[in-house]
Amino acid sequence: MRLFAAVLPPPEAVAELRRALEPVRDDRLRWTGEDGWHFTLAFMGEVGDALLPDLHARLERAAHRTEPFTLRLHGFGRFGDRALWAGAAGGIDAMRMLAERADAAARRAGVPMDRHRRYTAHLTVARSAGGTGLRPYAEALAGFDGTPWRVGELSLVRSNLPTGGVPGERPRYEVAGAWPLGG
């Protein structure tokens, strides 16, 4: 199964982000589904069933060693003209540490992880469709500052890629495991 570790925003933050996006939402971009909004901590790709028990145990330990922290959606940015994302503020150092621990947990469980890079907190909200420039969207949304919430859980999410061949079909996400932060 295709897995990643993530922090999931609560429904209130999702609603706040939805309202912020309404003025700029148009059909020139492929907008991600709200049910898939998340902060990826460690992307694992395809993970065999045999690795799951050890992976779960190691992620549980990683969560246990990380104290809950406060986060809020804050500002917007882009990766070139490929992806538009909402940023985060607040406990970024704590989230970066949780990302490092989730990555290490996966490696120690035997998951072959891609190259390691410094964690950048972002929640993808749209992708460019046909070369539409993302700068105007990021600039229009740059002042967004959401309400803080308490991150108290590390989630392991399964990504089910589209298989129907329907244009615009999106991946479906389901939580495959979740562990409370802190001891």
N, C-alpha and C. Protein backbone atom coordinates (compact mmCIF):
# COMPACT_ATOMS: atom_id res chain seq x y z
N MET A 1 0.83 -1.18 0.00
CA MET A 1 0.00 0.00 0.00
C MET A 1 0.87 1.25 0.00
N ARG A 2 0.36 2.31 -0.56
CA ARG A 2 1.07 3.59 -0.69
C ARG A 2 0.78 4.42 0.55
N LEU A 3 1.83 4.75 1.33
CA LEU A 3 1.64 5.37 2.63
C LEU A 3 2.47 6.65 2.82
N PHE A 4 1.99 7.49 3.72
CA PHE A 4 2.77 8.63 4.17
C PHE A 4 2.33 8.99 5.59
N ALA A 5 3.27 9.56 6.35
CA ALA A 5 2.96 10.07 7.69
C ALA A 5 2.54 11.52 7.53
N ALA A 6 1.55 11.95 8.34
CA ALA A 6 1.01 13.29 8.15
C ALA A 6 0.43 13.88 9.42
N VAL A 7 0.29 15.19 9.39
CA VAL A 7 -0.52 15.94 10.35
C VAL A 7 -1.77 16.37 9.59
N LEU A 8 -2.92 16.05 10.13
CA LEU A 8 -4.19 16.39 9.50
C LEU A 8 -4.81 17.60 10.19
N PRO A 9 -5.18 18.62 9.44
CA PRO A 9 -5.82 19.79 10.08
C PRO A 9 -7.22 19.42 10.57
N PRO A 10 -7.68 20.03 11.65
CA PRO A 10 -9.02 19.75 12.15
C PRO A 10 -10.08 20.38 11.23
N PRO A 11 -11.34 19.94 11.36
CA PRO A 11 -12.41 20.47 10.50
C PRO A 11 -12.52 21.99 10.51
N GLU A 12 -12.27 22.62 11.66
CA GLU A 12 -12.36 24.07 11.73
C GLU A 12 -11.32 24.74 10.84
N ALA A 13 -10.10 24.21 10.82
CA ALA A 13 -9.04 24.77 9.98
C ALA A 13 -9.34 24.53 8.51
N VAL A 14 -9.91 23.37 8.20
CA VAL A 14 -10.29 23.06 6.82
C VAL A 14 -11.35 24.06 6.35
N ALA A 15 -12.34 24.33 7.19
CA ALA A 15 -13.40 25.27 6.83
C ALA A 15 -12.84 26.67 6.63
N GLU A 16 -11.92 27.07 7.48
CA GLU A 16 -11.29 28.39 7.38
C GLU A 16 -10.50 28.51 6.07
N LEU A 17 -9.78 27.47 5.72
CA LEU A 17 -9.01 27.46 4.48
C LEU A 17 -9.95 27.49 3.27
N ARG A 18 -11.02 26.73 3.33
CA ARG A 18 -12.00 26.73 2.24
C ARG A 18 -12.52 28.14 1.99
N ARG A 19 -12.88 28.84 3.07
CA ARG A 19 -13.39 30.21 2.94
C ARG A 19 -12.34 31.15 2.35
N ALA A 20 -11.08 30.96 2.73
CA ALA A 20 -10.01 31.80 2.21
C ALA A 20 -9.81 31.60 0.71
N LEU A 21 -10.01 30.36 0.24
CA LEU A 21 -9.79 30.05 -1.17
C LEU A 21 -10.95 30.46 -2.07
N GLU A 22 -12.15 30.62 -1.52
CA GLU A 22 -13.34 30.90 -2.34
C GLU A 22 -13.15 32.05 -3.32
N PRO A 23 -12.58 33.19 -2.92
CA PRO A 23 -12.46 34.31 -3.86
C PRO A 23 -11.54 34.04 -5.06
N VAL A 24 -10.61 33.11 -4.95
CA VAL A 24 -9.66 32.88 -6.05
C VAL A 24 -9.91 31.57 -6.80
N ARG A 25 -10.79 30.76 -6.30
CA ARG A 25 -11.02 29.45 -6.91
C ARG A 25 -11.64 29.61 -8.30
N ASP A 26 -11.00 29.01 -9.28
CA ASP A 26 -11.53 29.02 -10.65
C ASP A 26 -11.16 27.70 -11.32
N ASP A 27 -11.56 27.56 -12.57
CA ASP A 27 -11.34 26.28 -13.25
C ASP A 27 -10.01 26.23 -14.02
N ARG A 28 -9.14 27.22 -13.80
CA ARG A 28 -7.83 27.19 -14.45
C ARG A 28 -6.84 26.30 -13.70
N LEU A 29 -7.18 25.96 -12.45
CA LEU A 29 -6.31 25.09 -11.65
C LEU A 29 -7.06 23.81 -11.30
N ARG A 30 -6.29 22.76 -10.98
CA ARG A 30 -6.88 21.53 -10.46
C ARG A 30 -6.79 21.62 -8.94
N TRP A 31 -7.92 21.85 -8.30
CA TRP A 31 -7.96 22.04 -6.86
C TRP A 31 -8.00 20.69 -6.16
N THR A 32 -7.22 20.57 -5.09
CA THR A 32 -7.21 19.32 -4.33
C THR A 32 -8.49 19.25 -3.49
N GLY A 33 -8.92 18.04 -3.19
CA GLY A 33 -10.12 17.86 -2.38
C GLY A 33 -9.84 18.14 -0.92
N GLU A 34 -10.79 18.76 -0.26
CA GLU A 34 -10.64 19.09 1.16
C GLU A 34 -10.38 17.85 2.00
N ASP A 35 -10.97 16.73 1.62
CA ASP A 35 -10.78 15.51 2.39
C ASP A 35 -9.34 15.01 2.30
N GLY A 36 -8.57 15.57 1.39
CA GLY A 36 -7.17 15.17 1.24
C GLY A 36 -6.18 16.20 1.74
N TRP A 37 -6.66 17.27 2.36
CA TRP A 37 -5.74 18.30 2.85
C TRP A 37 -4.96 17.78 4.04
N HIS A 38 -3.65 17.85 3.94
CA HIS A 38 -2.78 17.32 4.99
C HIS A 38 -1.39 17.94 4.86
N PHE A 39 -0.63 17.85 5.93
CA PHE A 39 0.79 18.20 5.92
C PHE A 39 1.55 16.88 5.91
N THR A 40 2.14 16.53 4.77
CA THR A 40 2.94 15.31 4.69
C THR A 40 4.20 15.50 5.52
N LEU A 41 4.48 14.52 6.38
CA LEU A 41 5.70 14.54 7.18
C LEU A 41 6.78 13.66 6.56
N ALA A 42 6.38 12.48 6.10
CA ALA A 42 7.33 11.54 5.50
C ALA A 42 6.58 10.69 4.48
N PHE A 43 6.96 10.82 3.20
CA PHE A 43 6.33 10.02 2.15
C PHE A 43 7.08 8.70 2.03
N MET A 44 6.35 7.60 2.15
CA MET A 44 6.96 6.28 2.16
C MET A 44 6.78 5.51 0.87
N GLY A 45 5.82 5.89 0.06
CA GLY A 45 5.57 5.15 -1.17
C GLY A 45 4.96 3.80 -0.86
N GLU A 46 5.24 2.84 -1.72
CA GLU A 46 4.68 1.49 -1.56
C GLU A 46 5.36 0.78 -0.38
N VAL A 47 4.55 0.30 0.56
CA VAL A 47 5.05 -0.40 1.74
C VAL A 47 4.39 -1.77 1.80
N GLY A 48 5.19 -2.81 1.89
CA GLY A 48 4.67 -4.17 1.97
C GLY A 48 4.02 -4.45 3.31
N ASP A 49 3.03 -5.32 3.31
CA ASP A 49 2.30 -5.68 4.52
C ASP A 49 3.21 -6.20 5.63
N ALA A 50 4.28 -6.90 5.25
CA ALA A 50 5.16 -7.49 6.26
C ALA A 50 5.86 -6.42 7.11
N LEU A 51 6.00 -5.21 6.59
CA LEU A 51 6.68 -4.15 7.33
C LEU A 51 5.74 -3.38 8.26
N LEU A 52 4.43 -3.54 8.09
CA LEU A 52 3.47 -2.72 8.82
C LEU A 52 3.54 -2.84 10.33
N PRO A 53 3.65 -4.04 10.92
CA PRO A 53 3.70 -4.09 12.39
C PRO A 53 4.87 -3.29 12.98
N ASP A 54 6.06 -3.44 12.40
CA ASP A 54 7.22 -2.70 12.90
C ASP A 54 7.06 -1.21 12.62
N LEU A 55 6.54 -0.85 11.45
CA LEU A 55 6.33 0.55 11.12
C LEU A 55 5.36 1.19 12.10
N HIS A 56 4.26 0.52 12.39
CA HIS A 56 3.29 1.05 13.36
C HIS A 56 3.93 1.25 14.72
N ALA A 57 4.69 0.27 15.18
CA ALA A 57 5.33 0.36 16.50
C ALA A 57 6.32 1.54 16.54
N ARG A 58 7.07 1.71 15.48
CA ARG A 58 8.07 2.78 15.44
C ARG A 58 7.41 4.16 15.33
N LEU A 59 6.32 4.26 14.57
CA LEU A 59 5.60 5.54 14.49
C LEU A 59 4.95 5.88 15.82
N GLU A 60 4.46 4.85 16.51
CA GLU A 60 3.88 5.08 17.84
C GLU A 60 4.94 5.66 18.79
N ARG A 61 6.15 5.11 18.75
CA ARG A 61 7.24 5.63 19.58
C ARG A 61 7.60 7.05 19.18
N ALA A 62 7.64 7.32 17.88
CA ALA A 62 7.95 8.68 17.40
C ALA A 62 6.91 9.66 17.92
N ALA A 63 5.65 9.29 17.86
CA ALA A 63 4.58 10.16 18.36
C ALA A 63 4.71 10.36 19.87
N HIS A 64 4.98 9.28 20.58
CA HIS A 64 5.10 9.33 22.04
C HIS A 64 6.23 10.28 22.47
N ARG A 65 7.31 10.34 21.69
CA ARG A 65 8.47 11.18 22.03
C ARG A 65 8.28 12.64 21.62
N THR A 66 7.18 12.96 20.98
CA THR A 66 6.92 14.33 20.51
C THR A 66 5.76 14.92 21.28
N GLU A 67 5.99 16.04 21.94
CA GLU A 67 4.92 16.70 22.69
C GLU A 67 3.94 17.37 21.73
N PRO A 68 2.66 17.45 22.10
CA PRO A 68 1.69 18.19 21.28
C PRO A 68 2.19 19.62 21.07
N PHE A 69 1.79 20.21 19.97
CA PHE A 69 2.22 21.57 19.65
C PHE A 69 1.08 22.32 18.96
N THR A 70 1.24 23.63 18.91
CA THR A 70 0.24 24.49 18.29
C THR A 70 0.67 24.83 16.87
N LEU A 71 -0.30 24.82 15.96
CA LEU A 71 -0.04 25.11 14.57
C LEU A 71 -1.19 25.95 14.03
N ARG A 72 -0.94 26.69 12.98
CA ARG A 72 -2.01 27.39 12.28
C ARG A 72 -1.63 27.48 10.81
N LEU A 73 -2.63 27.50 9.95
CA LEU A 73 -2.38 27.74 8.54
C LEU A 73 -1.99 29.19 8.39
N HIS A 74 -0.97 29.45 7.57
CA HIS A 74 -0.43 30.80 7.50
C HIS A 74 0.21 31.04 6.14
N GLY A 75 -0.31 32.02 5.40
CA GLY A 75 0.27 32.41 4.13
C GLY A 75 0.14 31.35 3.06
N PHE A 76 0.59 31.69 1.87
CA PHE A 76 0.57 30.77 0.74
C PHE A 76 1.87 30.89 -0.01
N GLY A 77 2.19 29.86 -0.74
CA GLY A 77 3.38 29.86 -1.58
C GLY A 77 3.14 28.94 -2.76
N ARG A 78 4.20 28.74 -3.51
CA ARG A 78 4.08 27.88 -4.69
C ARG A 78 5.40 27.20 -4.96
N PHE A 79 5.31 26.07 -5.58
CA PHE A 79 6.50 25.39 -6.10
C PHE A 79 6.50 25.67 -7.59
N GLY A 80 7.23 26.72 -7.98
CA GLY A 80 7.23 27.13 -9.38
C GLY A 80 5.81 27.39 -9.85
N ASP A 81 5.49 26.85 -11.01
CA ASP A 81 4.12 26.92 -11.50
C ASP A 81 3.51 25.53 -11.51
N ARG A 82 3.93 24.69 -10.55
CA ARG A 82 3.40 23.33 -10.45
C ARG A 82 2.34 23.20 -9.37
N ALA A 83 2.61 23.75 -8.18
CA ALA A 83 1.70 23.54 -7.04
C ALA A 83 1.56 24.81 -6.21
N LEU A 84 0.33 25.05 -5.78
CA LEU A 84 -0.01 26.15 -4.88
C LEU A 84 -0.26 25.55 -3.51
N TRP A 85 0.32 26.14 -2.47
CA TRP A 85 0.18 25.55 -1.15
C TRP A 85 -0.06 26.59 -0.07
N ALA A 86 -0.72 26.14 0.99
CA ALA A 86 -0.88 26.92 2.21
C ALA A 86 0.28 26.57 3.13
N GLY A 87 0.82 27.56 3.77
CA GLY A 87 1.92 27.34 4.70
C GLY A 87 1.42 27.15 6.11
N ALA A 88 2.35 27.10 7.04
CA ALA A 88 2.01 26.90 8.44
C ALA A 88 2.88 27.80 9.29
N ALA A 89 2.41 28.09 10.49
CA ALA A 89 3.17 28.87 11.47
C ALA A 89 2.86 28.30 12.84
N GLY A 90 3.66 28.68 13.79
CA GLY A 90 3.49 28.18 15.15
C GLY A 90 4.59 27.19 15.46
N GLY A 91 4.20 25.98 15.79
CA GLY A 91 5.15 24.95 16.20
C GLY A 91 5.88 24.28 15.05
N ILE A 92 6.47 25.08 14.18
CA ILE A 92 7.15 24.53 13.00
C ILE A 92 8.35 23.66 13.41
N ASP A 93 9.10 24.08 14.41
CA ASP A 93 10.24 23.27 14.85
C ASP A 93 9.77 21.91 15.37
N ALA A 94 8.67 21.90 16.11
CA ALA A 94 8.13 20.64 16.62
C ALA A 94 7.64 19.77 15.47
N MET A 95 7.01 20.38 14.47
CA MET A 95 6.53 19.60 13.33
C MET A 95 7.71 19.07 12.52
N ARG A 96 8.75 19.87 12.38
CA ARG A 96 9.95 19.42 11.67
C ARG A 96 10.57 18.22 12.41
N MET A 97 10.59 18.28 13.75
CA MET A 97 11.13 17.16 14.54
C MET A 97 10.26 15.92 14.36
N LEU A 98 8.94 16.09 14.35
CA LEU A 98 8.04 14.96 14.13
C LEU A 98 8.27 14.36 12.74
N ALA A 99 8.50 15.21 11.75
CA ALA A 99 8.79 14.72 10.40
C ALA A 99 10.08 13.91 10.39
N GLU A 100 11.12 14.41 11.07
CA GLU A 100 12.39 13.68 11.16
C GLU A 100 12.19 12.32 11.83
N ARG A 101 11.40 12.31 12.89
CA ARG A 101 11.16 11.06 13.61
C ARG A 101 10.34 10.08 12.77
N ALA A 102 9.37 10.57 12.03
CA ALA A 102 8.57 9.70 11.18
C ALA A 102 9.42 9.11 10.06
N ASP A 103 10.29 9.92 9.49
CA ASP A 103 11.20 9.45 8.45
C ASP A 103 12.13 8.37 9.00
N ALA A 104 12.71 8.63 10.18
CA ALA A 104 13.60 7.66 10.81
C ALA A 104 12.87 6.37 11.16
N ALA A 105 11.64 6.50 11.64
CA ALA A 105 10.84 5.31 11.97
C ALA A 105 10.63 4.44 10.75
N ALA A 106 10.31 5.07 9.63
CA ALA A 106 10.09 4.31 8.39
C ALA A 106 11.38 3.62 7.94
N ARG A 107 12.49 4.34 7.98
CA ARG A 107 13.78 3.75 7.57
C ARG A 107 14.12 2.55 8.45
N ARG A 108 13.95 2.72 9.76
CA ARG A 108 14.31 1.63 10.69
C ARG A 108 13.37 0.43 10.55
N ALA A 109 12.17 0.68 10.06
CA ALA A 109 11.23 -0.43 9.83
C ALA A 109 11.50 -1.13 8.51
N GLY A 110 12.46 -0.61 7.75
CA GLY A 110 12.82 -1.25 6.49
C GLY A 110 12.16 -0.66 5.26
N VAL A 111 11.52 0.48 5.40
CA VAL A 111 10.90 1.14 4.25
C VAL A 111 12.00 1.87 3.48
N PRO A 112 12.18 1.56 2.20
CA PRO A 112 13.21 2.27 1.42
C PRO A 112 12.74 3.69 1.11
N MET A 113 13.27 4.65 1.86
CA MET A 113 12.85 6.04 1.72
C MET A 113 13.69 6.73 0.64
N ASP A 114 13.07 7.69 -0.05
CA ASP A 114 13.79 8.51 -1.03
C ASP A 114 14.82 9.36 -0.31
N ARG A 115 15.55 10.11 -1.09
CA ARG A 115 16.59 10.96 -0.51
C ARG A 115 16.00 11.87 0.57
N HIS A 116 16.79 12.13 1.55
CA HIS A 116 16.36 12.95 2.68
C HIS A 116 16.54 14.43 2.33
N ARG A 117 15.55 15.25 2.65
CA ARG A 117 15.68 16.70 2.46
C ARG A 117 15.02 17.41 3.63
N ARG A 118 15.42 18.63 3.85
CA ARG A 118 14.88 19.41 4.97
C ARG A 118 13.38 19.57 4.79
N TYR A 119 12.67 19.41 5.89
CA TYR A 119 11.22 19.46 5.86
C TYR A 119 10.71 20.89 5.67
N THR A 120 9.78 21.06 4.76
CA THR A 120 9.10 22.34 4.53
C THR A 120 7.61 22.10 4.72
N ALA A 121 7.02 22.74 5.72
CA ALA A 121 5.60 22.56 6.02
C ALA A 121 4.75 23.22 4.93
N HIS A 122 3.95 22.42 4.26
CA HIS A 122 3.04 22.94 3.24
C HIS A 122 1.87 21.99 3.04
N LEU A 123 0.75 22.56 2.69
CA LEU A 123 -0.49 21.82 2.43
C LEU A 123 -0.91 22.19 1.01
N THR A 124 -0.80 21.26 0.07
CA THR A 124 -1.09 21.55 -1.33
C THR A 124 -2.59 21.75 -1.53
N VAL A 125 -2.95 22.88 -2.15
CA VAL A 125 -4.37 23.18 -2.39
C VAL A 125 -4.73 23.12 -3.87
N ALA A 126 -3.74 23.26 -4.76
CA ALA A 126 -4.04 23.22 -6.20
C ALA A 126 -2.78 22.91 -6.98
N ARG A 127 -3.00 22.42 -8.19
CA ARG A 127 -1.92 22.16 -9.14
C ARG A 127 -2.25 22.91 -10.43
N SER A 128 -1.22 23.30 -11.12
CA SER A 128 -1.42 24.03 -12.36
C SER A 128 -1.98 23.10 -13.42
N ALA A 129 -2.94 23.59 -14.15
CA ALA A 129 -3.54 22.84 -15.26
C ALA A 129 -3.20 23.59 -16.54
N GLY A 130 -2.32 23.03 -17.34
CA GLY A 130 -2.00 23.65 -18.61
C GLY A 130 -1.13 24.88 -18.53
N GLY A 131 -0.24 24.93 -17.56
CA GLY A 131 0.71 26.02 -17.49
C GLY A 131 0.19 27.32 -16.91
N THR A 132 -0.92 27.30 -16.22
CA THR A 132 -1.43 28.51 -15.59
C THR A 132 -0.44 28.98 -14.52
N GLY A 133 -0.08 30.24 -14.55
CA GLY A 133 0.85 30.79 -13.57
C GLY A 133 0.22 30.84 -12.19
N LEU A 134 0.98 30.50 -11.17
CA LEU A 134 0.46 30.45 -9.80
C LEU A 134 0.79 31.70 -8.98
N ARG A 135 1.66 32.53 -9.46
CA ARG A 135 2.06 33.72 -8.70
C ARG A 135 0.85 34.57 -8.28
N PRO A 136 -0.10 34.90 -9.18
CA PRO A 136 -1.23 35.74 -8.76
C PRO A 136 -2.06 35.11 -7.63
N TYR A 137 -2.19 33.80 -7.64
CA TYR A 137 -2.94 33.12 -6.59
C TYR A 137 -2.20 33.24 -5.26
N ALA A 138 -0.90 32.94 -5.28
CA ALA A 138 -0.11 33.00 -4.05
C ALA A 138 -0.09 34.43 -3.50
N GLU A 139 0.02 35.41 -4.36
CA GLU A 139 0.04 36.80 -3.90
C GLU A 139 -1.31 37.22 -3.33
N ALA A 140 -2.40 36.79 -3.97
CA ALA A 140 -3.74 37.15 -3.48
C ALA A 140 -4.03 36.55 -2.11
N LEU A 141 -3.41 35.41 -1.82
CA LEU A 141 -3.68 34.69 -0.58
C LEU A 141 -2.59 34.87 0.48
N ALA A 142 -1.55 35.62 0.16
CA ALA A 142 -0.37 35.71 1.03
C ALA A 142 -0.68 36.17 2.45
N GLY A 143 -1.67 37.01 2.65
CA GLY A 143 -1.97 37.53 3.98
C GLY A 143 -2.81 36.60 4.85
N PHE A 144 -3.15 35.43 4.35
CA PHE A 144 -4.00 34.52 5.13
C PHE A 144 -3.31 34.08 6.40
N ASP A 145 -4.04 34.15 7.52
CA ASP A 145 -3.52 33.70 8.81
C ASP A 145 -4.65 33.02 9.56
N GLY A 146 -4.57 31.73 9.69
CA GLY A 146 -5.63 30.95 10.31
C GLY A 146 -5.58 30.95 11.82
N THR A 147 -6.59 30.35 12.40
CA THR A 147 -6.72 30.22 13.85
C THR A 147 -5.85 29.05 14.34
N PRO A 148 -5.08 29.24 15.40
CA PRO A 148 -4.25 28.15 15.92
C PRO A 148 -5.08 26.96 16.40
N TRP A 149 -4.50 25.78 16.26
CA TRP A 149 -5.09 24.57 16.81
C TRP A 149 -3.97 23.72 17.39
N ARG A 150 -4.35 22.78 18.23
CA ARG A 150 -3.39 21.90 18.89
C ARG A 150 -3.22 20.62 18.07
N VAL A 151 -2.00 20.35 17.66
CA VAL A 151 -1.69 19.10 16.97
C VAL A 151 -1.41 18.06 18.04
N GLY A 152 -2.22 17.05 18.09
CA GLY A 152 -2.08 16.04 19.13
C GLY A 152 -1.96 14.63 18.60
N GLU A 153 -1.75 14.49 17.27
CA GLU A 153 -1.77 13.15 16.70
C GLU A 153 -0.88 13.06 15.46
N LEU A 154 -0.22 11.94 15.32
CA LEU A 154 0.53 11.58 14.12
C LEU A 154 -0.31 10.56 13.38
N SER A 155 -0.55 10.80 12.09
CA SER A 155 -1.37 9.88 11.29
C SER A 155 -0.54 9.19 10.23
N LEU A 156 -0.85 7.94 9.99
CA LEU A 156 -0.31 7.19 8.86
C LEU A 156 -1.46 7.11 7.87
N VAL A 157 -1.24 7.65 6.67
CA VAL A 157 -2.32 7.77 5.68
C VAL A 157 -2.02 6.90 4.48
N ARG A 158 -3.05 6.22 4.02
CA ARG A 158 -2.97 5.42 2.80
C ARG A 158 -3.52 6.24 1.65
N SER A 159 -2.75 6.29 0.57
CA SER A 159 -3.15 7.02 -0.63
C SER A 159 -3.61 6.01 -1.66
N ASN A 160 -4.87 6.11 -2.05
CA ASN A 160 -5.42 5.25 -3.09
C ASN A 160 -5.49 6.06 -4.38
N LEU A 161 -4.58 5.75 -5.30
CA LEU A 161 -4.51 6.52 -6.53
C LEU A 161 -5.72 6.23 -7.43
N PRO A 162 -6.10 7.21 -8.26
CA PRO A 162 -7.23 7.01 -9.16
C PRO A 162 -6.97 5.84 -10.11
N THR A 163 -8.00 5.06 -10.34
CA THR A 163 -7.87 3.93 -11.27
C THR A 163 -8.95 3.95 -12.35
N GLY A 164 -9.90 4.86 -12.24
CA GLY A 164 -11.02 4.87 -13.17
C GLY A 164 -10.76 5.53 -14.50
N GLY A 165 -9.65 6.28 -14.62
CA GLY A 165 -9.36 6.96 -15.87
C GLY A 165 -10.28 8.14 -16.15
N VAL A 166 -11.00 8.58 -15.14
CA VAL A 166 -11.92 9.70 -15.29
C VAL A 166 -11.14 11.01 -15.14
N PRO A 167 -11.25 11.93 -16.13
CA PRO A 167 -10.54 13.20 -15.99
C PRO A 167 -10.94 13.91 -14.69
N GLY A 168 -9.94 14.44 -14.00
CA GLY A 168 -10.20 15.16 -12.75
C GLY A 168 -10.33 14.27 -11.53
N GLU A 169 -10.28 12.95 -11.72
CA GLU A 169 -10.38 12.04 -10.58
C GLU A 169 -9.19 12.27 -9.65
N ARG A 170 -9.44 12.25 -8.35
CA ARG A 170 -8.41 12.54 -7.35
C ARG A 170 -8.07 11.29 -6.55
N PRO A 171 -6.88 11.30 -5.93
CA PRO A 171 -6.58 10.21 -5.01
C PRO A 171 -7.56 10.23 -3.84
N ARG A 172 -7.78 9.09 -3.25
CA ARG A 172 -8.58 9.00 -2.02
C ARG A 172 -7.61 8.67 -0.90
N TYR A 173 -7.84 9.30 0.25
CA TYR A 173 -6.97 9.09 1.39
C TYR A 173 -7.75 8.47 2.52
N GLU A 174 -7.11 7.54 3.23
CA GLU A 174 -7.73 6.96 4.42
C GLU A 174 -6.66 6.80 5.50
N VAL A 175 -7.05 7.08 6.72
CA VAL A 175 -6.12 6.95 7.84
C VAL A 175 -5.94 5.47 8.14
N ALA A 176 -4.68 5.02 8.06
CA ALA A 176 -4.35 3.61 8.30
C ALA A 176 -3.85 3.37 9.73
N GLY A 177 -3.60 4.45 10.44
CA GLY A 177 -3.14 4.37 11.82
C GLY A 177 -2.97 5.78 12.36
N ALA A 178 -3.16 5.94 13.65
CA ALA A 178 -2.98 7.25 14.28
C ALA A 178 -2.54 7.05 15.72
N TRP A 179 -1.61 7.90 16.17
CA TRP A 179 -1.04 7.78 17.49
C TRP A 179 -0.99 9.13 18.17
N PRO A 180 -1.39 9.20 19.43
CA PRO A 180 -1.37 10.49 20.14
C PRO A 180 0.08 10.94 20.40
N LEU A 181 0.26 12.25 20.36
CA LEU A 181 1.56 12.82 20.68
C LEU A 181 1.74 12.90 22.19
N GLY A 182 2.98 12.82 22.61
CA GLY A 182 3.30 13.01 24.03
C GLY A 182 3.23 11.75 24.86
N GLY A 183 3.78 11.86 26.04
CA GLY A 183 3.87 10.70 26.91
C GLY A 183 2.89 10.64 27.96
